[in-house]
Amino acid sequence: MSARTTGNITHTHRRISRGLTAAALATGVLVASAAPATAAAPQVTCSSNKAGLAKKMAADLTAALRGRPGTTALAVYERATGTYCSLRSWDSYDSASIVKVTVMGALLQDSQKRKRALSTRERDLVTAMITKSDNNATSTLWKQLGTGKINTFLKAAGATRTKPGANGYWGLTQVNASEQSKILALLTKPNAVLTDASRAYALDRMARVVPAQRWGTPAGAPGNTKVQVKNGWLPRATKGWRVHSLGVFTGQGHDYTITVLTHGNKTMQQGVDTIQAVSRAVHRDLNPASKARTFQAPEVVPPVAPHEVIPPTPEAPAH
């Protein structure tokens, strides 16, 4: 749930969004939500092959964000209806611990290239990194892979604007919602980057995240949907709390992903509340016939010494 710093689609979302945008412009289903005439108002844009869905989601996501503190970026993709929603999806954010999904993907891709299975040690490290957000495990894998192999995975995933954190500060990797959504999409459909076995393993790890770290995008998910999640948070001297959540939701004949990035929060709870407001709207609109999961978010209490101080942030001494 945090990050070290200074906190498994054969085509990319860029192609998806381009194609959907072109089709939307031709058919009139691209919808930018109406928003108050203010520079700070969110402008959520949605497109969909399902009649009426783009307009509804744009309006509902805008309503969920109205009056929320901080700055939010999001990307939502649902494969069955070709639905895509975005807001500030190319803006850069410090990754905090959501970069751990990228680290896992890079390790799996590298093992595939070497035609070997993950060692017991590597599996233990991945499990600790994803299910408990263990920073020491992440640091070990980051060092083992190096930014070269991280970048190789990012390039293959079509995430070329994502920049690994320098000098070992993996939690300061610069990420954006659009490319995080692309990486999540790799986990839900056969593709040339990750094998079916790798995808299944990655999703299984994300499905086993400990209860205290299952807040965020799972909020409001239908009870018949399988939830896979990875969260991250990081307080810094500028832009306050970064609070992010990545979610993959599968089952019942469709799959979708939710990526929400926030910063500028005065508290961690503010970021959590924003993410969960967005997520409830997404789940409700994509599953109108399903009963929402009875969701009680775990109490979010920021740690006295955030995991992100290992290693220290550039502006703070090591603890």
Protein backbone atom coordinates (compact mmCIF):
# COMPACT_ATOMS: atom_id res chain seq x y z
CA MET A 1 0.00 0.00 0.00
CA SER A 2 2.87 2.39 0.12
CA ALA A 3 6.09 2.88 -1.76
CA ARG A 4 9.77 3.17 -1.53
CA THR A 5 10.84 6.74 -2.17
CA THR A 6 11.72 10.34 -1.46
CA GLY A 7 4.06 5.48 0.58
CA ASN A 8 -1.15 -10.31 -16.57
CA ILE A 9 -3.98 -6.98 -24.46
CA THR A 10 -2.30 -7.26 -27.59
CA HIS A 11 -3.03 -3.64 -28.31
CA THR A 12 -2.57 -0.64 -26.09
CA HIS A 13 -5.05 1.75 -24.57
CA ARG A 14 -3.69 4.47 -26.77
CA ARG A 15 -4.90 2.47 -29.75
CA ILE A 16 -8.09 1.63 -27.91
CA SER A 17 -8.79 5.23 -27.03
CA ARG A 18 -7.89 6.45 -30.52
CA GLY A 19 -10.20 3.89 -32.10
CA LEU A 20 -12.99 4.58 -29.69
CA THR A 21 -12.56 8.30 -30.10
CA ALA A 22 -12.73 8.06 -33.89
CA ALA A 23 -15.81 5.88 -33.70
CA ALA A 24 -17.34 8.14 -31.12
CA LEU A 25 -16.82 11.25 -33.21
CA ALA A 26 -18.45 9.49 -36.13
CA THR A 27 -21.44 8.23 -34.16
CA GLY A 28 -21.77 10.94 -31.55
CA VAL A 29 -21.19 8.77 -28.47
CA LEU A 30 -18.14 10.61 -27.18
CA VAL A 31 -19.34 12.60 -24.21
CA ALA A 32 -17.60 15.23 -22.17
CA SER A 33 -19.50 15.81 -18.97
CA ALA A 34 -21.08 19.15 -18.34
CA ALA A 35 -19.18 21.01 -15.65
CA PRO A 36 -19.40 24.39 -13.96
CA ALA A 37 -17.54 27.22 -15.65
CA THR A 38 -14.48 27.05 -13.47
CA ALA A 39 -10.90 26.13 -14.30
CA ALA A 40 -10.78 23.64 -11.44
CA ALA A 41 -13.86 21.69 -12.53
CA PRO A 42 -13.15 18.13 -13.69
CA GLN A 43 -13.86 17.36 -17.34
CA VAL A 44 -14.47 13.63 -17.41
CA THR A 45 -14.70 12.24 -20.95
CA CYS A 46 -16.22 8.88 -21.81
CA SER A 47 -16.82 6.85 -24.96
CA SER A 48 -18.69 3.57 -25.32
CA ASN A 49 -20.21 1.21 -27.85
CA LYS A 50 -23.22 0.83 -25.56
CA ALA A 51 -25.93 3.40 -26.14
CA GLY A 52 -26.26 5.92 -23.34
CA LEU A 53 -23.46 4.55 -21.20
CA ALA A 54 -20.86 7.19 -22.06
CA LYS A 55 -23.20 10.04 -21.17
CA LYS A 56 -24.23 8.43 -17.90
CA MET A 57 -20.71 7.61 -16.77
CA ALA A 58 -19.37 11.04 -17.65
CA ALA A 59 -22.11 12.65 -15.59
CA ASP A 60 -21.82 10.25 -12.66
CA LEU A 61 -18.03 10.46 -12.44
CA THR A 62 -18.17 14.24 -12.59
CA ALA A 63 -20.73 14.24 -9.80
CA ALA A 64 -18.57 11.89 -7.72
CA LEU A 65 -15.64 14.30 -8.02
CA ARG A 66 -17.49 17.55 -7.52
CA GLY A 67 -16.15 19.43 -4.51
CA ARG A 68 -13.47 16.85 -3.77
CA PRO A 69 -10.11 18.21 -2.53
CA GLY A 70 -6.83 17.58 -4.31
CA THR A 71 -6.28 16.71 -7.96
CA THR A 72 -7.56 13.47 -9.46
CA ALA A 73 -6.64 11.57 -12.62
CA LEU A 74 -8.51 8.49 -13.74
CA ALA A 75 -8.78 5.92 -16.49
CA VAL A 76 -11.56 3.31 -16.67
CA TYR A 77 -11.72 0.59 -19.32
CA GLU A 78 -14.41 -2.06 -19.79
CA ARG A 79 -13.70 -4.50 -22.60
CA ALA A 80 -17.15 -5.94 -23.42
CA THR A 81 -18.73 -2.59 -24.26
CA GLY A 82 -15.54 -0.85 -25.35
CA THR A 83 -16.11 1.77 -22.66
CA TYR A 84 -13.31 4.16 -21.78
CA CYS A 85 -13.43 7.12 -19.40
CA SER A 86 -10.60 9.46 -18.55
CA LEU A 87 -9.67 12.58 -16.68
CA ARG A 88 -6.18 14.13 -16.67
CA SER A 89 -5.06 10.69 -17.82
CA TRP A 90 -1.67 11.86 -19.13
CA ASP A 91 -0.71 13.97 -16.10
CA SER A 92 2.28 12.65 -14.16
CA TYR A 93 2.12 11.56 -10.53
CA ASP A 94 4.67 10.08 -8.11
CA SER A 95 3.84 6.38 -8.22
CA ALA A 96 4.20 5.39 -4.57
CA SER A 97 3.53 1.64 -4.31
CA ILE A 98 1.39 1.15 -7.40
CA VAL A 99 4.71 0.80 -9.27
CA LYS A 100 4.94 -2.62 -7.64
CA VAL A 101 2.58 -3.99 -10.30
CA THR A 102 5.10 -2.82 -12.91
CA VAL A 103 7.95 -4.46 -11.00
CA MET A 104 6.01 -7.73 -10.92
CA GLY A 105 5.29 -7.46 -14.65
CA ALA A 106 8.95 -6.79 -15.46
CA LEU A 107 10.07 -9.79 -13.41
CA LEU A 108 7.55 -12.08 -15.12
CA GLN A 109 8.52 -10.83 -18.58
CA ASP A 110 12.21 -11.33 -17.83
CA SER A 111 11.64 -14.87 -16.57
CA GLN A 112 9.70 -15.65 -19.76
CA LYS A 113 12.57 -14.40 -21.92
CA ARG A 114 14.97 -16.56 -19.96
CA LYS A 115 12.57 -19.52 -20.26
CA ARG A 116 12.58 -20.21 -16.57
CA ALA A 117 10.10 -20.25 -13.74
CA LEU A 118 10.35 -17.81 -10.88
CA SER A 119 12.51 -19.14 -8.07
CA THR A 120 11.06 -19.78 -4.63
CA ARG A 121 12.88 -16.68 -3.42
CA GLU A 122 11.40 -14.54 -6.19
CA ARG A 123 7.90 -15.86 -5.52
CA ASP A 124 8.27 -15.02 -1.85
CA LEU A 125 9.45 -11.52 -2.72
CA VAL A 126 6.58 -10.93 -5.15
CA THR A 127 4.05 -12.18 -2.62
CA ALA A 128 5.39 -9.87 0.06
CA MET A 129 5.61 -6.94 -2.37
CA ILE A 130 2.06 -7.23 -3.69
CA THR A 131 -0.01 -8.72 -0.88
CA LYS A 132 1.60 -6.74 1.96
CA SER A 133 3.23 -3.93 -0.03
CA ASP A 134 6.58 -4.83 1.49
CA ASN A 135 9.14 -2.20 0.52
CA ASN A 136 12.26 -4.22 1.26
CA ALA A 137 11.03 -6.94 -1.11
CA THR A 138 10.40 -4.28 -3.75
CA SER A 139 13.85 -2.80 -3.30
CA THR A 140 15.42 -6.22 -3.73
CA LEU A 141 13.53 -6.91 -6.97
CA TRP A 142 14.14 -3.38 -8.28
CA LYS A 143 17.86 -3.82 -7.78
CA GLN A 144 17.79 -7.30 -9.34
CA LEU A 145 15.99 -6.06 -12.46
CA GLY A 146 17.56 -2.66 -12.83
CA THR A 147 15.83 0.17 -14.65
CA GLY A 148 16.87 -1.42 -17.97
CA LYS A 149 14.51 -4.36 -17.53
CA ILE A 150 11.85 -2.15 -16.01
CA ASN A 151 12.00 0.04 -19.12
CA THR A 152 11.92 -3.03 -21.38
CA PHE A 153 8.62 -4.04 -19.81
CA LEU A 154 7.23 -0.52 -19.97
CA LYS A 155 8.08 -0.26 -23.66
CA ALA A 156 6.44 -3.59 -24.41
CA ALA A 157 3.36 -2.47 -22.48
CA GLY A 158 3.17 0.77 -24.45
CA ALA A 159 3.90 2.81 -21.34
CA THR A 160 6.76 4.89 -22.70
CA ARG A 161 5.89 8.05 -20.78
CA THR A 162 6.33 6.23 -17.47
CA LYS A 163 9.76 7.07 -16.06
CA PRO A 164 11.36 4.84 -13.40
CA GLY A 165 12.51 6.69 -10.31
CA ALA A 166 16.21 7.56 -10.33
CA ASN A 167 18.83 6.44 -7.81
CA GLY A 168 16.71 3.63 -6.43
CA TYR A 169 13.74 5.85 -5.53
CA TRP A 170 11.23 3.53 -7.12
CA GLY A 171 8.30 5.22 -5.37
CA LEU A 172 9.10 8.39 -7.32
CA THR A 173 8.53 6.68 -10.65
CA GLN A 174 6.51 9.08 -12.79
CA VAL A 175 3.26 7.43 -13.84
CA ASN A 176 0.04 8.49 -15.50
CA ALA A 177 -3.46 7.01 -15.41
CA SER A 178 -3.55 6.14 -19.12
CA GLU A 179 -0.44 3.98 -19.03
CA GLN A 180 -1.29 2.38 -15.71
CA SER A 181 -4.57 1.37 -17.35
CA LYS A 182 -2.62 -0.19 -20.23
CA ILE A 183 -0.54 -2.22 -17.81
CA LEU A 184 -3.66 -3.48 -16.02
CA ALA A 185 -5.21 -4.41 -19.38
CA LEU A 186 -2.27 -6.73 -20.01
CA LEU A 187 -3.52 -8.84 -17.12
CA THR A 188 -7.00 -9.48 -18.52
CA LYS A 189 -6.47 -10.66 -22.12
CA PRO A 190 -3.95 -12.85 -23.96
CA ASN A 191 -1.13 -10.72 -25.31
CA ALA A 192 2.47 -10.83 -26.52
CA VAL A 193 3.95 -9.35 -23.35
CA LEU A 194 2.81 -11.75 -20.62
CA THR A 195 1.90 -15.41 -21.00
CA ASP A 196 -1.40 -16.76 -19.72
CA ALA A 197 0.45 -18.32 -16.79
CA SER A 198 2.13 -15.01 -15.93
CA ARG A 199 -1.15 -13.12 -16.14
CA ALA A 200 -2.91 -15.63 -13.92
CA TYR A 201 -0.10 -15.46 -11.36
CA ALA A 202 -0.13 -11.66 -11.27
CA LEU A 203 -3.90 -11.51 -10.82
CA ASP A 204 -3.73 -14.13 -8.10
CA ARG A 205 -1.22 -12.06 -6.14
CA MET A 206 -3.41 -8.95 -6.46
CA ALA A 207 -6.44 -10.96 -5.34
CA ARG A 208 -4.62 -11.90 -2.13
CA VAL A 209 -3.83 -8.39 -0.89
CA VAL A 210 -4.31 -8.26 2.86
CA PRO A 211 -7.70 -6.94 4.08
CA ALA A 212 -6.28 -3.71 5.52
CA GLN A 213 -5.03 -2.75 2.06
CA ARG A 214 -8.20 -3.51 0.08
CA TRP A 215 -9.66 -0.01 0.22
CA GLY A 216 -9.95 2.16 -2.87
CA THR A 217 -11.14 0.80 -6.22
CA PRO A 218 -12.89 -2.28 -4.71
CA ALA A 219 -15.46 0.03 -3.08
CA GLY A 220 -18.91 -0.85 -4.43
CA ALA A 221 -17.80 -3.82 -6.54
CA PRO A 222 -20.57 -6.38 -7.19
CA GLY A 223 -20.51 -9.42 -4.98
CA ASN A 224 -20.16 -11.75 -7.98
CA THR A 225 -17.02 -10.00 -9.25
CA LYS A 226 -13.49 -11.11 -8.45
CA VAL A 227 -11.45 -8.21 -7.07
CA GLN A 228 -7.74 -7.67 -7.69
CA VAL A 229 -6.18 -4.52 -6.26
CA LYS A 230 -2.96 -2.66 -5.54
CA ASN A 231 -2.83 0.63 -3.68
CA GLY A 232 -0.18 3.19 -2.88
CA TRP A 233 0.27 6.27 -0.76
CA LEU A 234 3.00 8.79 -0.12
CA PRO A 235 3.12 12.07 1.81
CA ARG A 236 5.65 14.66 0.64
CA ALA A 237 6.47 18.29 1.36
CA THR A 238 4.84 19.40 -1.89
CA LYS A 239 1.40 18.33 -3.20
CA GLY A 240 0.55 16.69 0.13
CA TRP A 241 -0.60 13.09 0.15
CA ARG A 242 -0.42 11.02 -3.01
CA VAL A 243 -3.07 8.29 -2.72
CA HIS A 244 -3.62 5.89 -5.63
CA SER A 245 -5.55 2.69 -6.36
CA LEU A 246 -5.41 0.19 -9.23
CA GLY A 247 -8.23 -2.34 -9.59
CA VAL A 248 -8.94 -5.24 -11.92
CA PHE A 249 -12.44 -6.72 -11.82
CA THR A 250 -13.21 -10.01 -13.55
CA GLY A 251 -16.03 -12.52 -13.82
CA GLN A 252 -19.60 -12.76 -15.08
CA GLY A 253 -18.50 -12.58 -18.70
CA HIS A 254 -16.72 -9.25 -18.64
CA ASP A 255 -13.72 -7.52 -17.17
CA TYR A 256 -12.83 -3.94 -16.43
CA THR A 257 -10.09 -1.92 -14.81
CA ILE A 258 -10.13 1.22 -12.70
CA THR A 259 -7.12 3.47 -12.21
CA VAL A 260 -7.40 6.46 -9.89
CA LEU A 261 -4.44 8.69 -9.00
CA THR A 262 -4.66 11.61 -6.57
CA HIS A 263 -2.38 14.17 -5.03
CA GLY A 264 -2.83 17.45 -3.20
CA ASN A 265 -4.73 15.74 -0.38
CA LYS A 266 -4.32 17.19 3.09
CA THR A 267 -4.73 13.73 4.59
CA MET A 268 -4.53 10.17 3.35
CA GLN A 269 -8.23 9.73 4.14
CA GLN A 270 -9.16 12.50 1.71
CA GLY A 271 -7.51 10.58 -1.11
CA VAL A 272 -9.14 7.31 -0.09
CA ASP A 273 -12.57 8.95 0.02
CA THR A 274 -12.13 10.43 -3.46
CA ILE A 275 -11.04 7.12 -4.97
CA GLN A 276 -13.93 5.26 -3.39
CA ALA A 277 -16.49 7.82 -4.57
CA VAL A 278 -15.22 7.38 -8.14
CA SER A 279 -15.11 3.61 -7.85
CA ARG A 280 -18.66 3.26 -6.53
CA ALA A 281 -19.93 5.25 -9.51
CA VAL A 282 -18.00 3.06 -11.96
CA HIS A 283 -19.17 -0.23 -10.45
CA ARG A 284 -22.79 0.95 -10.32
CA ASP A 285 -22.83 2.10 -13.95
CA LEU A 286 -21.05 -0.95 -15.37
CA ASN A 287 -23.13 -3.42 -13.36
CA PRO A 288 -26.66 -2.00 -13.29
CA ALA A 289 -28.27 -5.41 -12.72
CA SER A 290 -25.85 -6.54 -10.02
CA LYS A 291 -26.16 -6.03 -6.33
CA ALA A 292 -23.26 -4.03 -4.97
CA ARG A 293 -20.88 -5.74 -2.63
CA THR A 294 -21.50 -4.85 0.97
CA PHE A 295 -18.38 -2.80 1.35
CA GLN A 296 -17.00 -1.53 4.58
CA ALA A 297 -13.73 0.24 3.93
CA PRO A 298 -11.07 -0.63 6.47
CA GLU A 299 -10.19 2.24 8.72
CA VAL A 300 -7.29 4.04 7.10
CA VAL A 301 -4.78 5.20 9.67
CA PRO A 302 -1.58 6.67 8.17
CA PRO A 303 1.52 5.08 9.69
CA VAL A 304 3.63 7.19 12.03
CA ALA A 305 6.63 6.47 9.83
CA PRO A 306 5.32 5.89 6.28
CA HIS A 307 6.92 3.06 4.36
CA GLU A 308 7.96 5.66 1.82
CA VAL A 309 10.83 6.86 4.01
CA ILE A 310 12.73 3.71 3.00
CA PRO A 311 14.84 5.02 1.34
CA PRO A 312 14.33 8.61 2.45
CA THR A 313 12.70 11.14 0.22
CA PRO A 314 15.15 13.70 -1.15
CA GLU A 315 13.91 16.35 1.26
CA ALA A 316 13.87 14.20 4.41
CA PRO A 317 16.53 12.35 6.41
CA ALA A 318 16.41 8.59 6.74
CA HIS A 319 14.63 7.16 9.76
